[in-house]
Amino acid sequence: MTIKRAIFPGTFDPFTIGHQSLVTRALKLVDEVIIAIGINRRKTDYFPLEKRKEMIANVYRGNDHVKVMDYDSTTVDFAISVDAQFILRGIRTVKDFEYEKSIADVNRQLTGIETFILFTEPEHTHISSTIVRELLRFNKDVSAFVPKETNLY
């Protein structure tokens, strides 16, 4: 039997409860989700790559249906390298839709890999890694925005 595998690409700097919700919901659709931390040399990371991998791995410790990996290639090349049939994306607002649709269309045309989009649950639409980083910079409590297993509070 073929495993239905999706990658969930992003920088996850840091991983939020919004991300966690998307993974949980995606696992109802696929057998395995690989949380794929992309290396983006144009961005200055708040947390080093290894710390992000460790934080996310802690969230999914004991769950054989979720893996955490990093990649330094195009997202579709990474998907192909891990035999993923799907790319998982989440969108918080309508503004995100056009951008994600364009990328999904290109990826499908290049490789045949389908992207499925899950809409962020309403209670999480205001949460972003950017906002969490800003709160962390000012030593604010982020416990409402990140999984407790990340140990950020």
Protein backbone atom coordinates (compact mmCIF):
# COMPACT_ATOMS: atom_id res chain seq x y z
CA MET A 1 0.00 0.00 0.00
CA THR A 2 1.29 3.45 -0.93
CA ILE A 3 1.71 5.89 1.91
CA LYS A 4 -0.03 9.20 1.29
CA ARG A 5 2.65 11.69 2.25
CA ALA A 6 2.54 15.47 2.37
CA ILE A 7 5.26 17.94 3.08
CA PHE A 8 4.46 21.08 5.05
CA PRO A 9 7.11 23.60 4.01
CA GLY A 10 8.01 26.76 5.88
CA THR A 11 10.66 28.41 8.00
CA PHE A 12 8.71 27.78 11.24
CA ASP A 13 10.64 30.47 13.09
CA PRO A 14 9.00 29.59 15.47
CA PHE A 15 6.39 26.85 15.06
CA THR A 16 3.01 28.10 16.29
CA ILE A 17 -0.26 26.56 17.42
CA GLY A 18 -1.62 27.57 14.01
CA HIS A 19 0.99 25.36 12.35
CA GLN A 20 0.23 22.58 14.83
CA SER A 21 -3.48 22.78 14.01
CA LEU A 22 -2.79 22.45 10.28
CA VAL A 23 -0.65 19.34 10.82
CA THR A 24 -3.32 17.76 13.04
CA ARG A 25 -6.01 18.41 10.45
CA ALA A 26 -3.81 17.24 7.55
CA LEU A 27 -3.25 13.90 9.28
CA LYS A 28 -6.95 13.19 8.70
CA LEU A 29 -6.24 13.38 4.95
CA VAL A 30 -2.79 11.79 4.61
CA ASP A 31 -0.82 9.08 6.36
CA GLU A 32 2.30 11.13 7.01
CA VAL A 33 3.29 14.78 7.20
CA ILE A 34 6.89 15.87 6.86
CA ILE A 35 7.38 19.28 8.40
CA ALA A 36 9.96 20.63 5.98
CA ILE A 37 12.03 23.51 7.27
CA GLY A 38 13.30 25.44 4.29
CA ILE A 39 16.64 27.14 4.45
CA ASN A 40 16.14 30.68 3.20
CA ARG A 41 19.47 32.47 2.90
CA ARG A 42 17.69 35.81 2.32
CA LYS A 43 16.15 35.72 5.80
CA THR A 44 17.83 36.26 9.13
CA ASP A 45 16.52 33.56 11.40
CA TYR A 46 15.51 34.24 14.99
CA PHE A 47 16.14 30.62 16.01
CA PRO A 48 18.95 28.54 14.49
CA LEU A 49 17.83 25.68 12.25
CA GLU A 50 18.77 22.96 14.75
CA LYS A 51 16.78 24.67 17.51
CA ARG A 52 13.70 24.89 15.28
CA LYS A 53 14.03 21.20 14.37
CA GLU A 54 14.36 20.31 18.05
CA MET A 55 11.34 22.39 19.10
CA ILE A 56 9.09 20.86 16.43
CA ALA A 57 10.38 17.33 17.10
CA ASN A 58 9.44 17.83 20.76
CA VAL A 59 5.87 18.65 19.74
CA TYR A 60 5.57 15.38 17.80
CA ARG A 61 7.69 13.09 19.96
CA GLY A 62 6.15 9.61 19.82
CA ASN A 63 4.03 10.37 16.74
CA ASP A 64 5.30 8.18 13.89
CA HIS A 65 3.08 10.01 11.39
CA VAL A 66 5.04 13.27 11.63
CA LYS A 67 8.67 13.79 10.68
CA VAL A 68 10.79 16.93 10.81
CA MET A 69 13.37 17.54 8.10
CA ASP A 70 15.18 20.49 6.56
CA TYR A 71 15.92 21.21 2.93
CA ASP A 72 17.98 23.54 0.81
CA SER A 73 16.36 23.18 -2.61
CA THR A 74 13.10 24.04 -4.27
CA THR A 75 10.09 22.79 -2.38
CA VAL A 76 8.99 20.52 -5.23
CA ASP A 77 12.48 19.01 -5.54
CA PHE A 78 12.38 18.24 -1.83
CA ALA A 79 8.88 16.76 -2.19
CA ILE A 80 10.12 14.50 -4.98
CA SER A 81 13.17 13.45 -2.93
CA VAL A 82 10.95 12.20 -0.08
CA ASP A 83 8.29 10.65 -2.35
CA ALA A 84 5.59 13.10 -1.25
CA GLN A 85 2.48 13.29 -3.37
CA PHE A 86 1.20 16.48 -1.74
CA ILE A 87 2.27 19.85 -0.44
CA LEU A 88 0.31 21.20 2.52
CA ARG A 89 -0.19 24.93 2.83
CA GLY A 90 -2.25 26.97 5.22
CA ILE A 91 -3.75 30.34 4.58
CA ARG A 92 -4.90 32.78 7.22
CA THR A 93 -6.55 35.40 5.05
CA VAL A 94 -7.81 35.95 1.52
CA LYS A 95 -4.65 37.96 0.90
CA ASP A 96 -2.60 34.75 1.15
CA PHE A 97 -4.74 32.90 -1.40
CA GLU A 98 -3.49 34.38 -4.69
CA TYR A 99 0.15 33.89 -3.74
CA GLU A 100 -0.40 30.27 -2.69
CA LYS A 101 -2.51 29.49 -5.77
CA SER A 102 0.19 30.73 -8.14
CA ILE A 103 2.85 28.61 -6.48
CA ALA A 104 0.55 25.58 -6.40
CA ASP A 105 -0.21 25.95 -10.11
CA VAL A 106 3.50 26.16 -11.02
CA ASN A 107 4.41 23.20 -8.81
CA ARG A 108 1.63 21.06 -10.30
CA GLN A 109 2.63 22.01 -13.86
CA LEU A 110 6.31 21.24 -13.21
CA THR A 111 5.89 17.98 -11.31
CA GLY A 112 2.28 16.89 -11.00
CA ILE A 113 2.49 17.27 -7.23
CA GLU A 114 -0.77 18.60 -5.83
CA THR A 115 -1.00 21.29 -3.19
CA PHE A 116 -3.83 21.23 -0.73
CA ILE A 117 -4.70 24.28 1.26
CA LEU A 118 -6.28 24.26 4.67
CA PHE A 119 -7.78 27.45 5.97
CA THR A 120 -6.52 28.47 9.36
CA GLU A 121 -9.10 28.05 12.08
CA PRO A 122 -10.65 31.41 13.01
CA GLU A 123 -9.16 31.40 16.49
CA HIS A 124 -5.65 31.19 14.98
CA THR A 125 -5.83 33.69 12.11
CA HIS A 126 -4.11 36.42 14.09
CA ILE A 127 -1.13 34.22 15.00
CA SER A 128 2.01 34.36 12.90
CA SER A 129 5.63 33.50 13.47
CA THR A 130 6.47 37.15 12.79
CA ILE A 131 4.26 38.33 15.65
CA VAL A 132 5.59 35.64 18.00
CA ARG A 133 9.19 36.65 17.21
CA GLU A 134 8.37 40.27 17.96
CA LEU A 135 6.83 39.30 21.29
CA LEU A 136 9.89 37.19 22.13
CA ARG A 137 12.20 40.11 21.33
CA PHE A 138 10.42 42.11 24.02
CA ASN A 139 10.31 39.23 26.53
CA LYS A 140 6.53 38.90 26.33
CA ASP A 141 4.58 35.78 27.21
CA VAL A 142 3.98 33.69 24.07
CA SER A 143 2.33 30.73 25.77
CA ALA A 144 -1.00 31.36 24.02
CA PHE A 145 0.64 31.17 20.59
CA VAL A 146 3.10 28.24 20.61
CA PRO A 147 2.80 24.57 21.61
CA LYS A 148 4.02 24.02 25.18
CA GLU A 149 6.48 21.37 23.91
CA THR A 150 8.50 24.07 22.15
CA ASN A 151 9.65 25.15 25.63
CA LEU A 152 9.44 28.82 24.70
CA TYR A 153 7.74 29.65 27.98
